[in-house]
Protein backbone atom coordinates (compact mmCIF):
# COMPACT_ATOMS: atom_id res chain seq x y z
CA UNK A 1 11.94 32.24 38.92
CA UNK A 2 9.57 33.98 40.34
CA UNK A 3 10.89 37.32 42.36
CA UNK A 4 9.37 38.06 45.62
CA UNK A 5 7.90 41.64 46.15
CA UNK A 6 10.83 41.99 48.70
CA UNK A 7 13.53 41.66 46.00
CA UNK A 8 11.54 44.03 43.62
CA UNK A 9 11.83 46.60 46.15
CA UNK A 10 15.74 46.36 46.78
CA UNK A 11 16.27 45.84 42.92
CA UNK A 12 14.16 49.35 42.71
CA UNK A 13 16.84 51.64 44.45
CA UNK A 14 19.44 50.27 41.78
CA UNK A 15 18.06 52.93 39.60
CA UNK A 16 20.78 53.46 36.94
CA UNK A 17 21.77 49.96 36.52
CA UNK A 18 21.05 48.00 33.52
CA UNK A 19 19.11 44.97 33.40
CA UNK A 20 22.06 42.54 33.49
CA UNK A 21 22.99 43.77 36.24
CA UNK A 22 19.86 43.52 38.39
CA UNK A 23 19.53 39.97 36.98
CA UNK A 24 22.56 38.98 38.69
CA UNK A 25 21.63 40.82 42.03
CA UNK A 26 18.40 38.89 41.50
CA UNK A 27 20.24 35.55 41.28
CA UNK A 28 22.09 36.03 44.29
CA UNK A 29 19.12 38.00 46.17
CA UNK A 30 16.65 34.71 45.12
CA UNK A 31 19.55 31.64 45.85
CA UNK A 32 19.37 29.46 48.11
CA UNK A 33 17.11 29.11 51.53
CA UNK A 34 17.05 32.71 52.05
CA UNK A 35 15.87 33.16 48.41
CA UNK A 36 13.32 36.14 48.63
CA UNK A 37 13.73 37.19 51.98
CA UNK A 38 16.04 40.16 51.13
CA UNK A 39 18.90 38.39 53.55
CA UNK A 40 21.92 36.73 52.81
CA UNK A 41 24.66 34.49 53.41
CA UNK A 42 27.73 34.42 51.12
CA UNK A 43 30.90 31.78 51.47
CA UNK A 44 33.90 33.94 51.21
CA UNK A 45 37.16 31.46 50.36
CA UNK A 46 39.62 34.13 49.99
CA UNK A 47 42.35 33.63 53.30
CA UNK A 48 44.63 31.35 51.49
CA UNK A 49 45.80 34.40 49.88
CA UNK A 50 44.82 36.23 52.68
CA UNK A 51 46.67 34.10 55.45
CA UNK A 52 48.26 31.00 53.43
CA UNK A 53 46.95 27.89 53.25
CA UNK A 54 48.53 25.36 56.31
CA UNK A 55 46.76 29.00 58.32
CA UNK A 56 43.31 28.47 56.60
CA UNK A 57 42.56 24.75 56.07
CA UNK A 58 45.08 22.67 57.83
CA UNK A 59 42.58 22.42 61.02
CA UNK A 60 40.19 20.69 58.31
CA UNK A 61 42.13 19.67 55.88
CA UNK A 62 39.10 18.77 53.37
CA UNK A 63 39.21 22.66 52.66
CA UNK A 64 42.24 22.61 50.95
CA UNK A 65 40.21 21.35 47.95
CA UNK A 66 38.02 24.22 46.20
CA UNK A 67 35.17 21.15 45.87
CA UNK A 68 34.87 21.29 48.97
CA UNK A 69 33.53 24.94 49.47
CA UNK A 70 31.64 25.02 46.20
CA UNK A 71 29.64 21.65 47.70
CA UNK A 72 29.52 23.40 51.36
CA UNK A 73 27.80 26.53 49.72
CA UNK A 74 25.45 24.51 47.61
CA UNK A 75 24.28 22.23 50.40
CA UNK A 76 23.82 24.80 52.98
CA UNK A 77 21.67 26.54 50.37
CA UNK A 78 23.79 29.74 50.57
CA UNK A 79 23.06 32.96 48.84
CA UNK A 80 26.60 33.11 46.86
CA UNK A 81 30.40 32.03 46.96
CA UNK A 82 32.84 34.48 46.72
CA UNK A 83 36.68 33.41 45.99
CA UNK A 84 39.70 34.65 43.71
CA UNK A 85 40.56 33.33 40.46
CA UNK A 86 42.23 30.03 40.93
CA UNK A 87 39.57 28.92 43.35
CA UNK A 88 36.39 29.38 41.55
CA UNK A 89 38.26 28.08 38.19
CA UNK A 90 39.06 24.62 39.84
CA UNK A 91 35.35 24.64 40.45
CA UNK A 92 33.58 26.59 37.41
CA UNK A 93 32.49 23.87 34.97
CA UNK A 94 31.40 21.00 38.04
CA UNK A 95 29.51 23.98 39.74
CA UNK A 96 27.96 26.20 37.00
CA UNK A 97 24.31 27.01 37.85
CA UNK A 98 24.28 25.50 40.73
CA UNK A 99 25.62 28.43 43.24
CA UNK A 100 26.10 32.39 41.95
CA UNK A 101 29.56 33.32 42.29
CA UNK A 102 31.69 36.32 43.05
CA UNK A 103 35.13 36.56 41.70
CA UNK A 104 37.47 38.66 43.98
CA UNK A 105 39.74 40.70 41.96
CA UNK A 106 42.25 41.95 44.24
CA UNK A 107 43.90 40.23 46.72
CA UNK A 108 47.19 40.63 49.06
CA UNK A 109 49.05 38.78 51.44
CA UNK A 110 50.25 38.39 54.76
CA UNK A 111 54.01 39.63 54.07
CA UNK A 112 52.97 42.55 52.35
CA UNK A 113 53.87 45.54 54.81
CA UNK A 114 51.11 48.23 53.35
CA UNK A 115 47.85 48.56 52.84
CA UNK A 116 46.84 47.84 49.23
CA UNK A 117 46.13 44.64 46.91
CA UNK A 118 47.26 43.57 43.92
CA UNK A 119 44.82 42.91 40.94
CA UNK A 120 44.64 38.81 40.68
CA UNK A 121 41.72 38.89 38.44
CA UNK A 122 39.54 40.80 35.68
CA UNK A 123 35.94 41.64 34.42
CA UNK A 124 36.62 39.33 31.15
CA UNK A 125 37.45 36.03 33.75
CA UNK A 126 34.68 36.89 35.61
CA UNK A 127 32.35 37.10 32.48
CA UNK A 128 34.34 33.89 31.23
CA UNK A 129 33.41 32.14 34.29
CA UNK A 130 29.76 33.33 34.58
CA UNK A 131 29.62 35.00 37.83
CA UNK A 132 27.38 37.29 39.22
CA UNK A 133 29.79 39.58 40.55
CA UNK A 134 33.12 40.66 41.20
CA UNK A 135 34.64 41.44 44.61
CA UNK A 136 37.20 44.33 45.06
CA UNK A 137 38.68 45.26 48.98
CA UNK A 138 39.62 49.29 49.66
CA UNK A 139 41.63 50.41 52.67
CA UNK A 140 40.26 53.68 53.21
CA UNK A 141 43.02 56.04 55.09
CA UNK A 142 45.92 53.96 53.52
CA UNK A 143 47.97 55.61 51.76
CA UNK A 144 47.23 53.52 48.75
CA UNK A 145 43.60 54.25 49.09
CA UNK A 146 42.78 56.58 46.48
CA UNK A 147 44.97 54.11 43.67
CA UNK A 148 42.65 51.53 44.89
CA UNK A 149 39.36 53.49 44.13
CA UNK A 150 40.30 54.39 41.16
CA UNK A 151 40.97 50.89 40.10
CA UNK A 152 37.49 49.91 41.39
CA UNK A 153 35.65 52.88 39.55
CA UNK A 154 37.22 51.54 36.28
CA UNK A 155 36.39 47.91 36.93
CA UNK A 156 33.13 48.80 38.00
CA UNK A 157 32.19 50.65 35.07
CA UNK A 158 33.64 47.46 32.61
CA UNK A 159 31.68 44.86 35.03
CA UNK A 160 28.49 46.64 34.62
CA UNK A 161 29.03 47.26 30.86
CA UNK A 162 28.62 43.61 30.59
CA UNK A 163 25.95 43.22 33.15
CA UNK A 164 28.00 42.07 36.12
CA UNK A 165 27.82 43.52 39.62
CA UNK A 166 29.92 45.19 42.23
CA UNK A 167 30.70 44.08 45.54
CA UNK A 168 33.14 46.35 47.55
CA UNK A 169 35.02 45.00 51.44
CA UNK A 170 35.64 48.69 52.41
CA UNK A 171 37.91 48.02 55.57
CA UNK A 172 40.19 51.26 56.89
CA UNK A 173 43.43 50.91 57.82
CA UNK A 174 46.56 52.79 57.56
CA UNK A 175 47.77 55.79 57.25
CA UNK A 176 46.68 58.47 59.84
CA UNK A 177 43.95 55.95 61.31
CA UNK A 178 45.27 54.15 64.42
CA UNK A 179 44.72 50.41 65.08
CA UNK A 180 42.26 51.10 67.84
CA UNK A 181 40.37 53.18 65.50
CA UNK A 182 40.08 50.44 62.34
CA UNK A 183 36.47 48.97 63.87
CA UNK A 184 34.85 52.58 65.19
CA UNK A 185 31.45 53.24 64.75
CA UNK A 186 32.03 56.40 63.08
CA UNK A 187 34.87 55.18 61.04
CA UNK A 188 33.13 51.79 60.04
CA UNK A 189 30.27 53.94 58.72
CA UNK A 190 32.16 56.56 56.74
CA UNK A 191 33.75 53.44 55.15
CA UNK A 192 30.77 51.68 54.23
CA UNK A 193 29.30 55.05 52.71
CA UNK A 194 32.69 55.63 50.54
CA UNK A 195 32.11 51.98 49.47
CA UNK A 196 28.42 53.41 48.19
CA UNK A 197 29.72 56.48 46.66
CA UNK A 198 31.94 54.48 44.53
CA UNK A 199 29.08 52.41 43.17
CA UNK A 200 29.14 49.65 44.93
CA UNK A 201 26.27 47.07 44.54
CA UNK A 202 26.71 44.94 47.81
CA UNK A 203 28.99 46.65 50.49
CA UNK A 204 30.70 44.12 53.14
CA UNK A 205 31.89 45.82 56.03
CA UNK A 206 33.24 44.68 59.75
CA UNK A 207 30.72 44.77 62.78
CA UNK A 208 31.42 48.07 64.28
CA UNK A 209 32.30 48.98 67.91
CA UNK A 210 30.80 51.25 70.37
CA UNK A 211 34.07 53.24 70.17
CA UNK A 212 34.37 56.91 67.91
CA UNK A 213 37.74 57.58 66.79
CA UNK A 214 37.55 60.65 64.76
CA UNK A 215 37.48 64.17 67.06
CA UNK A 216 35.73 65.97 63.97
CA UNK A 217 32.81 63.15 64.46
CA UNK A 218 32.54 62.55 68.26
CA UNK A 219 29.71 65.77 68.61
CA UNK A 220 27.42 64.17 65.63
CA UNK A 221 27.46 60.63 67.83
CA UNK A 222 26.77 62.50 71.10
CA UNK A 223 23.62 61.76 73.60
CA UNK A 224 22.84 58.38 71.85
CA UNK A 225 23.46 55.34 73.50
CA UNK A 226 25.59 52.92 70.78
CA UNK A 227 25.82 49.99 73.75
CA UNK A 228 23.73 47.74 71.54
CA UNK A 229 25.19 46.00 68.35
CA UNK A 230 22.06 46.23 66.67
CA UNK A 231 21.78 49.90 66.78
CA UNK A 232 25.45 50.20 65.41
CA UNK A 233 24.36 47.89 62.39
CA UNK A 234 21.16 50.39 61.93
CA UNK A 235 23.59 53.59 61.66
CA UNK A 236 26.27 51.90 59.14
CA UNK A 237 23.21 50.81 57.15
CA UNK A 238 21.77 54.16 57.22
CA UNK A 239 25.31 55.39 56.49
CA UNK A 240 24.78 53.41 53.14
CA UNK A 241 22.99 55.81 51.00
CA UNK A 242 19.80 55.81 53.59
CA UNK A 243 19.22 52.17 53.20
CA UNK A 244 19.11 51.60 49.49
CA UNK A 245 22.48 49.27 49.39
CA UNK A 246 22.59 45.82 50.68
CA UNK A 247 25.21 46.34 52.75
CA UNK A 248 26.76 42.24 54.42
CA UNK A 249 28.68 42.26 57.24
CA UNK A 250 32.03 40.05 57.69
CA UNK A 251 32.42 37.22 60.32
CA UNK A 252 35.81 37.93 61.02
CA UNK A 253 37.98 36.11 62.74
CA UNK A 254 37.39 32.49 64.22
CA UNK A 255 35.12 32.81 67.32
CA UNK A 256 32.68 30.82 69.14
CA UNK A 257 29.53 29.36 67.82
CA UNK A 258 26.96 32.14 70.77
CA UNK A 259 29.28 34.86 69.23
CA UNK A 260 28.39 34.17 65.48
CA UNK A 261 24.39 33.50 66.07
CA UNK A 262 24.37 36.78 68.07
CA UNK A 263 26.03 38.68 65.08
CA UNK A 264 23.32 37.47 62.95
CA UNK A 265 20.72 38.09 65.47
CA UNK A 266 21.73 41.89 65.65
CA UNK A 267 22.85 42.08 62.15
CA UNK A 268 18.90 40.76 61.37
CA UNK A 269 17.68 43.49 63.90
CA UNK A 270 19.47 46.42 62.69
CA UNK A 271 18.23 46.16 59.32
CA UNK A 272 21.76 44.37 57.90
CA UNK A 273 21.09 42.16 54.63
CA UNK A 274 23.53 39.28 56.21
CA UNK A 275 26.42 37.83 57.09
CA UNK A 276 29.57 36.71 54.56
CA UNK A 277 31.36 34.21 56.74
CA UNK A 278 34.24 32.31 55.96
CA UNK A 279 36.77 31.16 58.68
CA UNK A 280 33.83 30.71 61.46
CA UNK A 281 32.54 27.68 58.82
CA UNK A 282 35.38 26.01 56.73
CA UNK A 283 37.73 25.73 59.97
CA UNK A 284 35.23 23.34 61.32
CA UNK A 285 34.12 20.33 60.09
CA UNK A 286 31.57 19.55 57.28
CA UNK A 287 29.16 18.47 59.80
CA UNK A 288 29.77 21.28 62.24
CA UNK A 289 30.10 23.75 59.60
CA UNK A 290 26.54 22.63 57.85
CA UNK A 291 24.86 22.95 61.58
CA UNK A 292 25.94 26.20 61.84
CA UNK A 293 24.60 27.56 58.40
CA UNK A 294 21.61 26.17 59.05
CA UNK A 295 20.98 28.14 62.08
CA UNK A 296 22.14 31.05 60.95
CA UNK A 297 19.45 30.71 58.11
CA UNK A 298 17.13 29.84 60.48
CA UNK A 299 18.02 33.19 62.33
CA UNK A 300 17.72 35.58 59.35
CA UNK A 301 14.44 33.80 58.38
CA UNK A 302 13.18 35.05 62.07
CA UNK A 303 12.77 31.25 62.99
CA UNK A 304 14.73 31.60 66.20
C-alpha cells in the first residue's frame, strides 16, 4: 500500500501514537474508493441495539443479516464498517481483510431512561476480530458522563497498547442541557473538543444547528453569521485541536436523498473528513443504497 501525501499529513498530526495505531488509521484512510483522499464514508450498524431490530431492519428485511452490511460496505467501496460485537463476529471470518472494522464497545437501548451505555465489547474482542479501531459513545452533560469518560480513558490506553485506534461518538445530552441545546453549535463544538481531549483518533459528532445554547458562550459567537452549515462544520473541525483530528459527522435519522447529499457537500466544504451514515442507507433497498453511497463518494471526491 502506497500512502498518499494527504494521508501522511493526517497521520503526522498524531504525534504520540505508536506505529500500530497509525497503521490502523492508515488502513481506514487508504481503504475503498476514497482511499488516500483524507475523506471517509463509514457504515455504522449499531441501531439494532439502540432502537430494536424491527424499527431498524423491517423496512428492508435483508438488513437483518450481518453479512448484508459487510457486503454493502465492501461493494460500495467504503472506508470502514462499525458495529457491536455480535454483528462483527457474525461476519468476521467471511469478510476478514476486505473492509476495516470498528468494534462498538458500548451500547444502550430504547427502554433506558438515563443517558449512559453499558460496556458490550472489549479491546480483547477487537484484537481477536482484527478490528482497526474501537468505538465508544460518551454523553457530555449527562449525570453519568464522568464515569463514561473514565471508562474510555482506560479503554483507549489499552487499545493503543496493542495498536488499535479509538473512535469516540460524542453526543451531548442529559443533565442541565435541555433537548433544544443538544444540536446547538456551541454545544456540538464543545462535545467534539472533549472527545479530542480524551484522546480520540476519530471523532464522530452530529451536524450542528446555528443555535447557541450556553449563555456564557454567546459572546464568543456574536458578530458571525452561522447560517451556512459548511461554516458550522468548519467551526467544529477547528474545535478538534485546530483541525488536527479526523472528524466525521453522523447521518442522523432517516431523511430525503437531497438532504443527505447537501449535508455531504457542507461537510466537504467545511473541511470535515466525511460521513458515518447508517439508517439513511441500509433502510433503503440495496440498489438504492448503493446508488446513494456512490453519489456520496463522488461528492467527497469533488466530482459534483
